Structure formats: C-alpha cells, structure tokens
ModelCIF file with pLDDT and N, C-alpha, C, O atoms, coordinates in Angstrom:
data_MODEL
#
_entry.id   MODEL 
#
_entity.id                         1 
_entity.type                       polymer 
_entity.pdbx_number_of_molecules   1 
#
_entity_poly.entity_id                      1 
_entity_poly.type                           'polypeptide(L)' 
_entity_poly.nstd_linkage                   no 
_entity_poly.nstd_monomer                   no 
_entity_poly.pdbx_seq_one_letter_code       TKNFRRFLLKNSHLPLAVQKDKLLSEFYQWKGEKSQTDDVLVI 
_entity_poly.pdbx_seq_one_letter_code_can   TKNFRRFLLKNSHLPLAVQKDKLLSEFYQWKGEKSQTDDVLVI 
_entity_poly.pdbx_strand_id                 A 
#
loop_
_entity_poly_seq.entity_id 
_entity_poly_seq.num 
_entity_poly_seq.mon_id 
_entity_poly_seq.hetero 
1 1  THR n 
1 2  LYS n 
1 3  ASN n 
1 4  PHE n 
1 5  ARG n 
1 6  ARG n 
1 7  PHE n 
1 8  LEU n 
1 9  LEU n 
1 10 LYS n 
1 11 ASN n 
1 12 SER n 
1 13 HIS n 
1 14 LEU n 
1 15 PRO n 
1 16 LEU n 
1 17 ALA n 
1 18 VAL n 
1 19 GLN n 
1 20 LYS n 
1 21 ASP n 
1 22 LYS n 
1 23 LEU n 
1 24 LEU n 
1 25 SER n 
1 26 GLU n 
1 27 PHE n 
1 28 TYR n 
1 29 GLN n 
1 30 TRP n 
1 31 LYS n 
1 32 GLY n 
1 33 GLU n 
1 34 LYS n 
1 35 SER n 
1 36 GLN n 
1 37 THR n 
1 38 ASP n 
1 39 ASP n 
1 40 VAL n 
1 41 LEU n 
1 42 VAL n 
1 43 ILE n 
#
_struct_asym.id          A 
_struct_asym.entity_id   1 
#
loop_
_ma_qa_metric.id 
_ma_qa_metric.mode 
_ma_qa_metric.name 
_ma_qa_metric.software_group_id 
_ma_qa_metric.type 
1 global pLDDT . pLDDT 
2 local  pLDDT . pLDDT 
#
_ma_qa_metric_global.metric_id      1 
_ma_qa_metric_global.metric_value   96.30 
_ma_qa_metric_global.model_id       1 
_ma_qa_metric_global.ordinal_id     1 
#
loop_
_ma_qa_metric_local.label_asym_id 
_ma_qa_metric_local.label_comp_id 
_ma_qa_metric_local.label_seq_id 
_ma_qa_metric_local.metric_id 
_ma_qa_metric_local.metric_value 
_ma_qa_metric_local.model_id 
_ma_qa_metric_local.ordinal_id 
A THR 1  2 97.00 1 1  
A LYS 2  2 97.00 1 2  
A ASN 3  2 97.00 1 3  
A PHE 4  2 98.00 1 4  
A ARG 5  2 97.00 1 5  
A ARG 6  2 98.00 1 6  
A PHE 7  2 98.00 1 7  
A LEU 8  2 97.00 1 8  
A LEU 9  2 96.00 1 9  
A LYS 10 2 97.00 1 10 
A ASN 11 2 97.00 1 11 
A SER 12 2 95.00 1 12 
A HIS 13 2 95.00 1 13 
A LEU 14 2 96.00 1 14 
A PRO 15 2 95.00 1 15 
A LEU 16 2 96.00 1 16 
A ALA 17 2 96.00 1 17 
A VAL 18 2 98.00 1 18 
A GLN 19 2 97.00 1 19 
A LYS 20 2 97.00 1 20 
A ASP 21 2 98.00 1 21 
A LYS 22 2 98.00 1 22 
A LEU 23 2 97.00 1 23 
A LEU 24 2 97.00 1 24 
A SER 25 2 98.00 1 25 
A GLU 26 2 98.00 1 26 
A PHE 27 2 97.00 1 27 
A TYR 28 2 96.00 1 28 
A GLN 29 2 97.00 1 29 
A TRP 30 2 97.00 1 30 
A LYS 31 2 96.00 1 31 
A GLY 32 2 95.00 1 32 
A GLU 33 2 94.00 1 33 
A LYS 34 2 94.00 1 34 
A SER 35 2 94.00 1 35 
A GLN 36 2 95.00 1 36 
A THR 37 2 91.00 1 37 
A ASP 38 2 92.00 1 38 
A ASP 39 2 95.00 1 39 
A VAL 40 2 97.00 1 40 
A LEU 41 2 97.00 1 41 
A VAL 42 2 97.00 1 42 
A ILE 43 2 97.00 1 43 
#
loop_
_atom_site.group_PDB 
_atom_site.id 
_atom_site.type_symbol 
_atom_site.label_atom_id 
_atom_site.label_alt_id 
_atom_site.label_comp_id 
_atom_site.label_asym_id 
_atom_site.label_entity_id 
_atom_site.label_seq_id 
_atom_site.pdbx_PDB_ins_code 
_atom_site.Cartn_x 
_atom_site.Cartn_y 
_atom_site.Cartn_z 
_atom_site.occupancy 
_atom_site.B_iso_or_equiv 
_atom_site.pdbx_formal_charge 
_atom_site.auth_seq_id 
_atom_site.auth_comp_id 
_atom_site.auth_asym_id 
_atom_site.auth_atom_id 
_atom_site.pdbx_PDB_model_num 
ATOM 1   N N  . THR A 1 1  ? 108.376 103.200 98.464  1.00 97.00 ? 1  THR A N  1 
ATOM 2   C CA . THR A 1 1  ? 108.692 104.532 97.957  1.00 97.00 ? 1  THR A CA 1 
ATOM 3   C C  . THR A 1 1  ? 107.473 105.213 97.354  1.00 97.00 ? 1  THR A C  1 
ATOM 4   O O  . THR A 1 1  ? 107.250 106.401 97.589  1.00 97.00 ? 1  THR A O  1 
ATOM 5   N N  . LYS A 1 2  ? 106.683 104.478 96.582  1.00 97.00 ? 2  LYS A N  1 
ATOM 6   C CA . LYS A 1 2  ? 105.495 105.049 95.944  1.00 97.00 ? 2  LYS A CA 1 
ATOM 7   C C  . LYS A 1 2  ? 104.550 105.639 96.983  1.00 97.00 ? 2  LYS A C  1 
ATOM 8   O O  . LYS A 1 2  ? 104.037 106.743 96.799  1.00 97.00 ? 2  LYS A O  1 
ATOM 9   N N  . ASN A 1 3  ? 104.319 104.917 98.067  1.00 97.00 ? 3  ASN A N  1 
ATOM 10  C CA . ASN A 1 3  ? 103.432 105.403 99.132  1.00 97.00 ? 3  ASN A CA 1 
ATOM 11  C C  . ASN A 1 3  ? 104.039 106.603 99.857  1.00 97.00 ? 3  ASN A C  1 
ATOM 12  O O  . ASN A 1 3  ? 103.332 107.541 100.224 1.00 97.00 ? 3  ASN A O  1 
ATOM 13  N N  . PHE A 1 4  ? 105.356 106.562 100.058 1.00 98.00 ? 4  PHE A N  1 
ATOM 14  C CA . PHE A 1 4  ? 106.034 107.659 100.743 1.00 98.00 ? 4  PHE A CA 1 
ATOM 15  C C  . PHE A 1 4  ? 105.941 108.942 99.919  1.00 98.00 ? 4  PHE A C  1 
ATOM 16  O O  . PHE A 1 4  ? 105.625 110.001 100.461 1.00 98.00 ? 4  PHE A O  1 
ATOM 17  N N  . ARG A 1 5  ? 106.210 108.858 98.625  1.00 97.00 ? 5  ARG A N  1 
ATOM 18  C CA . ARG A 1 5  ? 106.105 110.030 97.752  1.00 97.00 ? 5  ARG A CA 1 
ATOM 19  C C  . ARG A 1 5  ? 104.672 110.561 97.724  1.00 97.00 ? 5  ARG A C  1 
ATOM 20  O O  . ARG A 1 5  ? 104.448 111.770 97.779  1.00 97.00 ? 5  ARG A O  1 
ATOM 21  N N  . ARG A 1 6  ? 103.728 109.664 97.638  1.00 98.00 ? 6  ARG A N  1 
ATOM 22  C CA . ARG A 1 6  ? 102.317 110.066 97.627  1.00 98.00 ? 6  ARG A CA 1 
ATOM 23  C C  . ARG A 1 6  ? 101.970 110.789 98.929  1.00 98.00 ? 6  ARG A C  1 
ATOM 24  O O  . ARG A 1 6  ? 101.273 111.803 98.910  1.00 98.00 ? 6  ARG A O  1 
ATOM 25  N N  . PHE A 1 7  ? 102.452 110.273 100.047 1.00 98.00 ? 7  PHE A N  1 
ATOM 26  C CA . PHE A 1 7  ? 102.195 110.897 101.340 1.00 98.00 ? 7  PHE A CA 1 
ATOM 27  C C  . PHE A 1 7  ? 102.797 112.299 101.396 1.00 98.00 ? 7  PHE A C  1 
ATOM 28  O O  . PHE A 1 7  ? 102.134 113.238 101.836 1.00 98.00 ? 7  PHE A O  1 
ATOM 29  N N  . LEU A 1 8  ? 104.056 112.452 100.952 1.00 97.00 ? 8  LEU A N  1 
ATOM 30  C CA . LEU A 1 8  ? 104.698 113.768 100.971 1.00 97.00 ? 8  LEU A CA 1 
ATOM 31  C C  . LEU A 1 8  ? 103.947 114.759 100.084 1.00 97.00 ? 8  LEU A C  1 
ATOM 32  O O  . LEU A 1 8  ? 103.720 115.902 100.479 1.00 97.00 ? 8  LEU A O  1 
ATOM 33  N N  . LEU A 1 9  ? 103.567 114.326 98.902  1.00 96.00 ? 9  LEU A N  1 
ATOM 34  C CA . LEU A 1 9  ? 102.853 115.213 97.982  1.00 96.00 ? 9  LEU A CA 1 
ATOM 35  C C  . LEU A 1 9  ? 101.503 115.640 98.553  1.00 96.00 ? 9  LEU A C  1 
ATOM 36  O O  . LEU A 1 9  ? 101.121 116.806 98.452  1.00 96.00 ? 9  LEU A O  1 
ATOM 37  N N  . LYS A 1 10 ? 100.793 114.704 99.144  1.00 97.00 ? 10 LYS A N  1 
ATOM 38  C CA . LYS A 1 10 ? 99.478  114.985 99.724  1.00 97.00 ? 10 LYS A CA 1 
ATOM 39  C C  . LYS A 1 10 ? 99.554  116.034 100.834 1.00 97.00 ? 10 LYS A C  1 
ATOM 40  O O  . LYS A 1 10 ? 98.613  116.802 101.036 1.00 97.00 ? 10 LYS A O  1 
ATOM 41  N N  . ASN A 1 11 ? 100.679 116.062 101.551 1.00 97.00 ? 11 ASN A N  1 
ATOM 42  C CA . ASN A 1 11 ? 100.819 116.950 102.708 1.00 97.00 ? 11 ASN A CA 1 
ATOM 43  C C  . ASN A 1 11 ? 101.753 118.132 102.475 1.00 97.00 ? 11 ASN A C  1 
ATOM 44  O O  . ASN A 1 11 ? 101.978 118.924 103.390 1.00 97.00 ? 11 ASN A O  1 
ATOM 45  N N  . SER A 1 12 ? 102.300 118.267 101.276 1.00 95.00 ? 12 SER A N  1 
ATOM 46  C CA . SER A 1 12 ? 103.320 119.284 101.007 1.00 95.00 ? 12 SER A CA 1 
ATOM 47  C C  . SER A 1 12 ? 102.802 120.722 101.115 1.00 95.00 ? 12 SER A C  1 
ATOM 48  O O  . SER A 1 12 ? 103.599 121.648 101.261 1.00 95.00 ? 12 SER A O  1 
ATOM 49  N N  . HIS A 1 13 ? 101.501 120.923 101.046 1.00 95.00 ? 13 HIS A N  1 
ATOM 50  C CA . HIS A 1 13 ? 100.936 122.270 101.155 1.00 95.00 ? 13 HIS A CA 1 
ATOM 51  C C  . HIS A 1 13 ? 100.859 122.754 102.609 1.00 95.00 ? 13 HIS A C  1 
ATOM 52  O O  . HIS A 1 13 ? 100.634 123.936 102.865 1.00 95.00 ? 13 HIS A O  1 
ATOM 53  N N  . LEU A 1 14 ? 101.046 121.840 103.541 1.00 96.00 ? 14 LEU A N  1 
ATOM 54  C CA . LEU A 1 14 ? 100.938 122.172 104.965 1.00 96.00 ? 14 LEU A CA 1 
ATOM 55  C C  . LEU A 1 14 ? 102.241 122.780 105.482 1.00 96.00 ? 14 LEU A C  1 
ATOM 56  O O  . LEU A 1 14 ? 103.298 122.559 104.891 1.00 96.00 ? 14 LEU A O  1 
ATOM 57  N N  . PRO A 1 15 ? 102.184 123.543 106.578 1.00 95.00 ? 15 PRO A N  1 
ATOM 58  C CA . PRO A 1 15 ? 103.417 124.041 107.206 1.00 95.00 ? 15 PRO A CA 1 
ATOM 59  C C  . PRO A 1 15 ? 104.328 122.864 107.585 1.00 95.00 ? 15 PRO A C  1 
ATOM 60  O O  . PRO A 1 15 ? 103.854 121.771 107.895 1.00 95.00 ? 15 PRO A O  1 
ATOM 61  N N  . LEU A 1 16 ? 105.627 123.108 107.555 1.00 96.00 ? 16 LEU A N  1 
ATOM 62  C CA . LEU A 1 16 ? 106.583 122.030 107.827 1.00 96.00 ? 16 LEU A CA 1 
ATOM 63  C C  . LEU A 1 16 ? 106.377 121.391 109.201 1.00 96.00 ? 16 LEU A C  1 
ATOM 64  O O  . LEU A 1 16 ? 106.530 120.177 109.334 1.00 96.00 ? 16 LEU A O  1 
ATOM 65  N N  . ALA A 1 17 ? 106.040 122.160 110.203 1.00 96.00 ? 17 ALA A N  1 
ATOM 66  C CA . ALA A 1 17 ? 105.819 121.603 111.545 1.00 96.00 ? 17 ALA A CA 1 
ATOM 67  C C  . ALA A 1 17 ? 104.651 120.624 111.538 1.00 96.00 ? 17 ALA A C  1 
ATOM 68  O O  . ALA A 1 17 ? 104.699 119.599 112.218 1.00 96.00 ? 17 ALA A O  1 
ATOM 69  N N  . VAL A 1 18 ? 103.609 120.930 110.781 1.00 98.00 ? 18 VAL A N  1 
ATOM 70  C CA . VAL A 1 18 ? 102.454 120.034 110.677 1.00 98.00 ? 18 VAL A CA 1 
ATOM 71  C C  . VAL A 1 18 ? 102.844 118.787 109.882 1.00 98.00 ? 18 VAL A C  1 
ATOM 72  O O  . VAL A 1 18 ? 102.428 117.678 110.218 1.00 98.00 ? 18 VAL A O  1 
ATOM 73  N N  . GLN A 1 19 ? 103.644 118.972 108.827 1.00 97.00 ? 19 GLN A N  1 
ATOM 74  C CA . GLN A 1 19 ? 104.113 117.820 108.052 1.00 97.00 ? 19 GLN A CA 1 
ATOM 75  C C  . GLN A 1 19 ? 104.918 116.869 108.935 1.00 97.00 ? 19 GLN A C  1 
ATOM 76  O O  . GLN A 1 19 ? 104.782 115.650 108.835 1.00 97.00 ? 19 GLN A O  1 
ATOM 77  N N  . LYS A 1 20 ? 105.752 117.436 109.794 1.00 97.00 ? 20 LYS A N  1 
ATOM 78  C CA . LYS A 1 20 ? 106.543 116.602 110.713 1.00 97.00 ? 20 LYS A CA 1 
ATOM 79  C C  . LYS A 1 20 ? 105.627 115.758 111.588 1.00 97.00 ? 20 LYS A C  1 
ATOM 80  O O  . LYS A 1 20 ? 105.830 114.552 111.727 1.00 97.00 ? 20 LYS A O  1 
ATOM 81  N N  . ASP A 1 21 ? 104.620 116.393 112.177 1.00 98.00 ? 21 ASP A N  1 
ATOM 82  C CA . ASP A 1 21 ? 103.683 115.661 113.037 1.00 98.00 ? 21 ASP A CA 1 
ATOM 83  C C  . ASP A 1 21 ? 102.975 114.559 112.264 1.00 98.00 ? 21 ASP A C  1 
ATOM 84  O O  . ASP A 1 21 ? 102.797 113.454 112.778 1.00 98.00 ? 21 ASP A O  1 
ATOM 85  N N  . LYS A 1 22 ? 102.571 114.852 111.037 1.00 98.00 ? 22 LYS A N  1 
ATOM 86  C CA . LYS A 1 22 ? 101.878 113.857 110.228 1.00 98.00 ? 22 LYS A CA 1 
ATOM 87  C C  . LYS A 1 22 ? 102.805 112.702 109.845 1.00 98.00 ? 22 LYS A C  1 
ATOM 88  O O  . LYS A 1 22 ? 102.392 111.542 109.836 1.00 98.00 ? 22 LYS A O  1 
ATOM 89  N N  . LEU A 1 23 ? 104.066 113.029 109.529 1.00 97.00 ? 23 LEU A N  1 
ATOM 90  C CA . LEU A 1 23 ? 105.041 111.978 109.217 1.00 97.00 ? 23 LEU A CA 1 
ATOM 91  C C  . LEU A 1 23 ? 105.258 111.048 110.401 1.00 97.00 ? 23 LEU A C  1 
ATOM 92  O O  . LEU A 1 23 ? 105.268 109.826 110.250 1.00 97.00 ? 23 LEU A O  1 
ATOM 93  N N  . LEU A 1 24 ? 105.431 111.633 111.576 1.00 97.00 ? 24 LEU A N  1 
ATOM 94  C CA . LEU A 1 24 ? 105.623 110.817 112.774 1.00 97.00 ? 24 LEU A CA 1 
ATOM 95  C C  . LEU A 1 24 ? 104.407 109.935 113.041 1.00 97.00 ? 24 LEU A C  1 
ATOM 96  O O  . LEU A 1 24 ? 104.541 108.750 113.346 1.00 97.00 ? 24 LEU A O  1 
ATOM 97  N N  . SER A 1 25 ? 103.242 110.517 112.925 1.00 98.00 ? 25 SER A N  1 
ATOM 98  C CA . SER A 1 25 ? 102.010 109.756 113.147 1.00 98.00 ? 25 SER A CA 1 
ATOM 99  C C  . SER A 1 25 ? 101.880 108.619 112.141 1.00 98.00 ? 25 SER A C  1 
ATOM 100 O O  . SER A 1 25 ? 101.554 107.490 112.509 1.00 98.00 ? 25 SER A O  1 
ATOM 101 N N  . GLU A 1 26 ? 102.133 108.917 110.881 1.00 98.00 ? 26 GLU A N  1 
ATOM 102 C CA . GLU A 1 26 ? 102.041 107.899 109.828 1.00 98.00 ? 26 GLU A CA 1 
ATOM 103 C C  . GLU A 1 26 ? 103.036 106.773 110.076 1.00 98.00 ? 26 GLU A C  1 
ATOM 104 O O  . GLU A 1 26 ? 102.696 105.597 109.941 1.00 98.00 ? 26 GLU A O  1 
ATOM 105 N N  . PHE A 1 27 ? 104.271 107.136 110.441 1.00 97.00 ? 27 PHE A N  1 
ATOM 106 C CA . PHE A 1 27 ? 105.312 106.137 110.671 1.00 97.00 ? 27 PHE A CA 1 
ATOM 107 C C  . PHE A 1 27 ? 104.925 105.189 111.806 1.00 97.00 ? 27 PHE A C  1 
ATOM 108 O O  . PHE A 1 27 ? 104.993 103.969 111.652 1.00 97.00 ? 27 PHE A O  1 
ATOM 109 N N  . TYR A 1 28 ? 104.523 105.751 112.941 1.00 96.00 ? 28 TYR A N  1 
ATOM 110 C CA . TYR A 1 28 ? 104.204 104.906 114.092 1.00 96.00 ? 28 TYR A CA 1 
ATOM 111 C C  . TYR A 1 28 ? 102.911 104.119 113.890 1.00 96.00 ? 28 TYR A C  1 
ATOM 112 O O  . TYR A 1 28 ? 102.776 103.000 114.384 1.00 96.00 ? 28 TYR A O  1 
ATOM 113 N N  . GLN A 1 29 ? 101.977 104.699 113.173 1.00 97.00 ? 29 GLN A N  1 
ATOM 114 C CA . GLN A 1 29 ? 100.753 103.959 112.858 1.00 97.00 ? 29 GLN A CA 1 
ATOM 115 C C  . GLN A 1 29 ? 101.070 102.800 111.913 1.00 97.00 ? 29 GLN A C  1 
ATOM 116 O O  . GLN A 1 29 ? 100.522 101.708 112.064 1.00 97.00 ? 29 GLN A O  1 
ATOM 117 N N  . TRP A 1 30 ? 101.952 103.034 110.939 1.00 97.00 ? 30 TRP A N  1 
ATOM 118 C CA . TRP A 1 30 ? 102.312 101.990 109.975 1.00 97.00 ? 30 TRP A CA 1 
ATOM 119 C C  . TRP A 1 30 ? 103.040 100.839 110.658 1.00 97.00 ? 30 TRP A C  1 
ATOM 120 O O  . TRP A 1 30 ? 102.682 99.677  110.468 1.00 97.00 ? 30 TRP A O  1 
ATOM 121 N N  . LYS A 1 31 ? 104.060 101.158 111.452 1.00 96.00 ? 31 LYS A N  1 
ATOM 122 C CA . LYS A 1 31 ? 104.865 100.086 112.033 1.00 96.00 ? 31 LYS A CA 1 
ATOM 123 C C  . LYS A 1 31 ? 104.161 99.379  113.188 1.00 96.00 ? 31 LYS A C  1 
ATOM 124 O O  . LYS A 1 31 ? 104.465 98.223  113.483 1.00 96.00 ? 31 LYS A O  1 
ATOM 125 N N  . GLY A 1 32 ? 103.223 100.064 113.842 1.00 95.00 ? 32 GLY A N  1 
ATOM 126 C CA . GLY A 1 32 ? 102.513 99.430  114.944 1.00 95.00 ? 32 GLY A CA 1 
ATOM 127 C C  . GLY A 1 32 ? 103.480 98.900  115.982 1.00 95.00 ? 32 GLY A C  1 
ATOM 128 O O  . GLY A 1 32 ? 104.354 99.624  116.459 1.00 95.00 ? 32 GLY A O  1 
ATOM 129 N N  . GLU A 1 33 ? 103.321 97.638  116.326 1.00 94.00 ? 33 GLU A N  1 
ATOM 130 C CA . GLU A 1 33 ? 104.176 97.007  117.340 1.00 94.00 ? 33 GLU A CA 1 
ATOM 131 C C  . GLU A 1 33 ? 105.480 96.464  116.771 1.00 94.00 ? 33 GLU A C  1 
ATOM 132 O O  . GLU A 1 33 ? 106.322 95.974  117.524 1.00 94.00 ? 33 GLU A O  1 
ATOM 133 N N  . LYS A 1 34 ? 105.661 96.544  115.462 1.00 94.00 ? 34 LYS A N  1 
ATOM 134 C CA . LYS A 1 34 ? 106.906 96.062  114.836 1.00 94.00 ? 34 LYS A CA 1 
ATOM 135 C C  . LYS A 1 34 ? 108.082 96.905  115.306 1.00 94.00 ? 34 LYS A C  1 
ATOM 136 O O  . LYS A 1 34 ? 107.930 98.089  115.607 1.00 94.00 ? 34 LYS A O  1 
ATOM 137 N N  . SER A 1 35 ? 109.249 96.287  115.367 1.00 94.00 ? 35 SER A N  1 
ATOM 138 C CA . SER A 1 35 ? 110.473 97.027  115.683 1.00 94.00 ? 35 SER A CA 1 
ATOM 139 C C  . SER A 1 35 ? 110.852 97.901  114.503 1.00 94.00 ? 35 SER A C  1 
ATOM 140 O O  . SER A 1 35 ? 110.554 97.578  113.353 1.00 94.00 ? 35 SER A O  1 
ATOM 141 N N  . GLN A 1 36 ? 111.508 99.003  114.799 1.00 95.00 ? 36 GLN A N  1 
ATOM 142 C CA . GLN A 1 36 ? 112.009 99.848  113.720 1.00 95.00 ? 36 GLN A CA 1 
ATOM 143 C C  . GLN A 1 36 ? 113.119 99.096  113.014 1.00 95.00 ? 36 GLN A C  1 
ATOM 144 O O  . GLN A 1 36 ? 114.033 98.589  113.665 1.00 95.00 ? 36 GLN A O  1 
ATOM 145 N N  . THR A 1 37 ? 113.056 99.013  111.683 1.00 91.00 ? 37 THR A N  1 
ATOM 146 C CA . THR A 1 37 ? 113.973 98.169  110.924 1.00 91.00 ? 37 THR A CA 1 
ATOM 147 C C  . THR A 1 37 ? 115.188 98.906  110.390 1.00 91.00 ? 37 THR A C  1 
ATOM 148 O O  . THR A 1 37 ? 116.137 98.265  109.940 1.00 91.00 ? 37 THR A O  1 
ATOM 149 N N  . ASP A 1 38 ? 115.190 100.237 110.424 1.00 92.00 ? 38 ASP A N  1 
ATOM 150 C CA . ASP A 1 38 ? 116.290 101.000 109.841 1.00 92.00 ? 38 ASP A CA 1 
ATOM 151 C C  . ASP A 1 38 ? 116.256 102.409 110.425 1.00 92.00 ? 38 ASP A C  1 
ATOM 152 O O  . ASP A 1 38 ? 115.287 102.815 111.066 1.00 92.00 ? 38 ASP A O  1 
ATOM 153 N N  . ASP A 1 39 ? 117.344 103.142 110.182 1.00 95.00 ? 39 ASP A N  1 
ATOM 154 C CA . ASP A 1 39 ? 117.329 104.555 110.567 1.00 95.00 ? 39 ASP A CA 1 
ATOM 155 C C  . ASP A 1 39 ? 116.356 105.297 109.656 1.00 95.00 ? 39 ASP A C  1 
ATOM 156 O O  . ASP A 1 39 ? 116.160 104.906 108.506 1.00 95.00 ? 39 ASP A O  1 
ATOM 157 N N  . VAL A 1 40 ? 115.758 106.344 110.156 1.00 97.00 ? 40 VAL A N  1 
ATOM 158 C CA . VAL A 1 40 ? 114.804 107.123 109.369 1.00 97.00 ? 40 VAL A CA 1 
ATOM 159 C C  . VAL A 1 40 ? 115.242 108.584 109.404 1.00 97.00 ? 40 VAL A C  1 
ATOM 160 O O  . VAL A 1 40 ? 115.384 109.183 110.471 1.00 97.00 ? 40 VAL A O  1 
ATOM 161 N N  . LEU A 1 41 ? 115.451 109.141 108.217 1.00 97.00 ? 41 LEU A N  1 
ATOM 162 C CA . LEU A 1 41 ? 115.836 110.538 108.100 1.00 97.00 ? 41 LEU A CA 1 
ATOM 163 C C  . LEU A 1 41 ? 114.930 111.195 107.073 1.00 97.00 ? 41 LEU A C  1 
ATOM 164 O O  . LEU A 1 41 ? 114.832 110.731 105.937 1.00 97.00 ? 41 LEU A O  1 
ATOM 165 N N  . VAL A 1 42 ? 114.269 112.273 107.470 1.00 97.00 ? 42 VAL A N  1 
ATOM 166 C CA . VAL A 1 42 ? 113.462 113.076 106.545 1.00 97.00 ? 42 VAL A CA 1 
ATOM 167 C C  . VAL A 1 42 ? 113.752 114.537 106.877 1.00 97.00 ? 42 VAL A C  1 
ATOM 168 O O  . VAL A 1 42 ? 113.493 114.994 107.990 1.00 97.00 ? 42 VAL A O  1 
ATOM 169 N N  . ILE A 1 43 ? 114.290 115.259 105.904 1.00 97.00 ? 43 ILE A N  1 
ATOM 170 C CA . ILE A 1 43 ? 114.567 116.674 106.068 1.00 97.00 ? 43 ILE A CA 1 
ATOM 171 C C  . ILE A 1 43 ? 113.761 117.415 105.007 1.00 97.00 ? 43 ILE A C  1 
ATOM 172 O O  . ILE A 1 43 ? 113.821 118.642 104.932 1.00 97.00 ? 43 ILE A O  1 
#
C-alpha cells in the first residue's frame, strides 16, 4: 500500500489517461512473469 500511494501521488499531476498508462506499465513491470494474484481495480 505504501508504494501504491507513493506512486499515485507522484503521478497525480498528470492527465488521467497518462496515469492509466503509467499504472499499467508499473503493474506489468512489477509482476513480470508472475501470475496475477488478484483482481485489480483502480478508478
């Protein structure tokens, strides 16, 4: 959670469409080859 909040705050000044792209990139870079472990919802 701490890292997720930090990530959102760091990118909150950007347009929402750019934030979405950054979130997706961060998620897939973080998990790498690991399977997705849970549903992911960010609105």
